[in-house]
Protein backbone atom coordinates (compact mmCIF):
# COMPACT_ATOMS: atom_id res chain seq x y z
CA MET A 1 -9.81 -4.81 -17.38
CA THR A 2 -9.66 -1.20 -18.43
CA TRP A 3 -8.50 1.63 -16.20
CA LEU A 4 -12.11 2.84 -15.83
CA LYS A 5 -13.15 -0.47 -14.27
CA TYR A 6 -10.31 -0.24 -11.74
CA TRP A 7 -11.20 3.37 -11.07
CA LYS A 8 -14.82 2.52 -10.32
CA LYS A 9 -13.72 -0.21 -7.91
CA MET A 10 -11.47 2.22 -6.03
CA ILE A 11 -14.30 4.74 -5.73
CA ALA A 12 -16.77 2.09 -4.55
CA ALA A 13 -14.42 0.49 -2.01
CA ASP A 14 -14.66 1.16 1.71
CA ALA A 15 -10.97 0.32 2.15
CA ILE A 16 -7.91 0.40 -0.07
CA VAL A 17 -4.81 -1.69 0.54
CA MET A 18 -1.68 -0.30 -1.07
CA ALA A 19 1.05 -2.94 -1.25
CA THR A 20 4.44 -2.90 -2.92
CA PRO A 21 7.88 -4.38 -2.74
CA VAL A 22 10.51 -1.79 -1.84
CA TYR A 23 13.21 -1.44 -4.49
CA PHE A 24 16.10 0.90 -3.71
CA TYR A 25 14.21 2.41 -0.77
CA SER A 26 11.07 3.35 -2.70
CA MET A 27 7.86 1.86 -4.08
CA ASN A 28 7.95 -0.05 -7.34
CA GLY A 29 7.11 1.61 -10.66
CA GLN A 30 3.71 -0.05 -11.02
CA MET A 31 2.50 1.39 -7.71
CA LYS A 32 3.79 4.84 -8.58
CA THR A 33 2.02 4.63 -11.95
CA LEU A 34 -1.24 3.67 -10.23
CA ILE A 35 -0.96 6.67 -7.92
CA ASP A 36 -0.07 9.00 -10.80
CA ARG A 37 -2.99 7.81 -12.91
CA THR A 38 -5.45 8.84 -10.22
CA CYS A 39 -4.42 12.48 -10.70
CA PRO A 40 -7.22 13.56 -13.09
CA ARG A 41 -9.96 12.28 -10.74
CA TYR A 42 -8.33 11.73 -7.33
CA THR A 43 -10.97 13.88 -5.61
CA GLU A 44 -13.49 11.10 -6.24
CA ILE A 45 -11.51 8.76 -3.96
CA SER A 46 -12.80 9.93 -0.60
CA HIS A 47 -13.52 8.66 2.90
CA LYS A 48 -11.48 5.46 2.58
CA GLU A 49 -9.75 3.35 5.17
CA MET A 50 -6.16 2.99 3.97
CA TYR A 51 -3.84 0.06 4.69
CA PHE A 52 -0.18 -0.13 3.65
CA ILE A 53 1.89 -3.28 3.12
CA VAL A 54 5.54 -3.14 2.10
CA THR A 55 8.18 -5.82 1.71
CA ALA A 56 11.93 -5.38 1.52
CA ALA A 57 15.07 -7.48 1.47
CA ASP A 58 16.65 -5.16 4.03
CA SER A 59 15.78 -6.29 7.54
CA ARG A 60 15.52 -2.76 8.93
CA LYS A 61 12.06 -1.19 9.17
CA GLN A 62 13.68 2.16 8.36
CA SER A 63 14.37 0.91 4.83
CA THR A 64 10.65 1.04 4.09
CA GLU A 65 9.91 4.48 5.53
CA ARG A 66 10.32 6.39 2.23
CA THR A 67 7.70 4.15 0.69
CA ILE A 68 5.31 4.67 3.59
CA GLU A 69 5.84 8.42 3.30
CA GLY A 70 5.04 8.15 -0.42
CA PHE A 71 1.76 6.41 0.43
CA ARG A 72 1.02 9.06 3.03
CA GLY A 73 1.74 11.82 0.52
CA PHE A 74 -0.86 10.33 -1.80
CA THR A 75 -3.48 9.70 0.86
CA SER A 76 -3.04 13.18 2.33
CA CYS A 77 -4.57 14.45 -0.92
CA LEU A 78 -7.68 12.28 -0.47
CA THR A 79 -10.61 13.75 1.42
CA GLY A 80 -11.38 11.81 4.58
CA ALA A 81 -8.73 9.12 4.05
CA LYS A 82 -7.79 7.42 7.30
CA GLU A 83 -4.61 5.40 7.79
CA MET A 84 -5.64 2.17 9.50
CA GLY A 85 -2.53 0.01 9.52
CA ILE A 86 0.94 -0.68 8.19
CA ILE A 87 2.75 -3.96 7.73
CA HIS A 88 6.52 -4.00 7.21
CA GLY A 89 7.57 -7.33 5.71
CA THR A 90 11.30 -6.84 6.06
CA GLY A 91 14.15 -9.27 5.64
CA VAL A 92 12.49 -11.07 2.74
CA TRP A 93 14.61 -11.58 -0.34
CA ASN A 94 14.13 -15.10 -1.66
CA ILE A 95 10.93 -16.67 -2.91
CA GLY A 96 8.98 -17.94 0.08
CA ASP A 97 10.80 -15.85 2.70
CA ILE A 98 7.63 -13.94 3.48
CA LEU A 99 5.89 -17.16 4.51
CA GLU A 100 8.24 -17.42 7.50
CA SER A 101 7.85 -13.74 8.34
CA ARG A 102 5.89 -12.23 11.21
CA ALA A 103 4.28 -10.00 8.56
CA MET A 104 2.03 -12.86 7.39
CA ALA A 105 0.35 -13.17 10.79
CA GLN A 106 0.08 -9.38 11.01
CA ALA A 107 -1.59 -9.23 7.58
CA TYR A 108 -4.02 -11.95 8.56
CA GLU A 109 -4.98 -10.16 11.79
CA MET A 110 -5.28 -6.79 10.07
CA GLY A 111 -7.43 -8.33 7.36
CA LYS A 112 -9.90 -9.67 9.90
CA GLY A 113 -10.65 -6.08 10.90
CA VAL A 114 -11.39 -4.83 7.40
């Protein structure tokens, strides 16, 4: 799929979920690239419900705050964007750890409201 197809989907969406693992207390490179690539036409992404999901090996919620602030920095540039929910999947390092996490139930419940 080309970038233009993704772009059109973001513009057409009512809600956008931004999700990333946290590496060294920040979002991963792919998420940052996505955000940066919106720069030429970010004004077209407007009036969206925004949801944030982050995972981290560190068990402290504070370890994900820089990433959340990065998401907020991006969405503060979007007209009418409204933060609707955040899920902190902390303490997950090994494959499958997230399945035992409280974050899975939170994601399910938040998803029912979208």
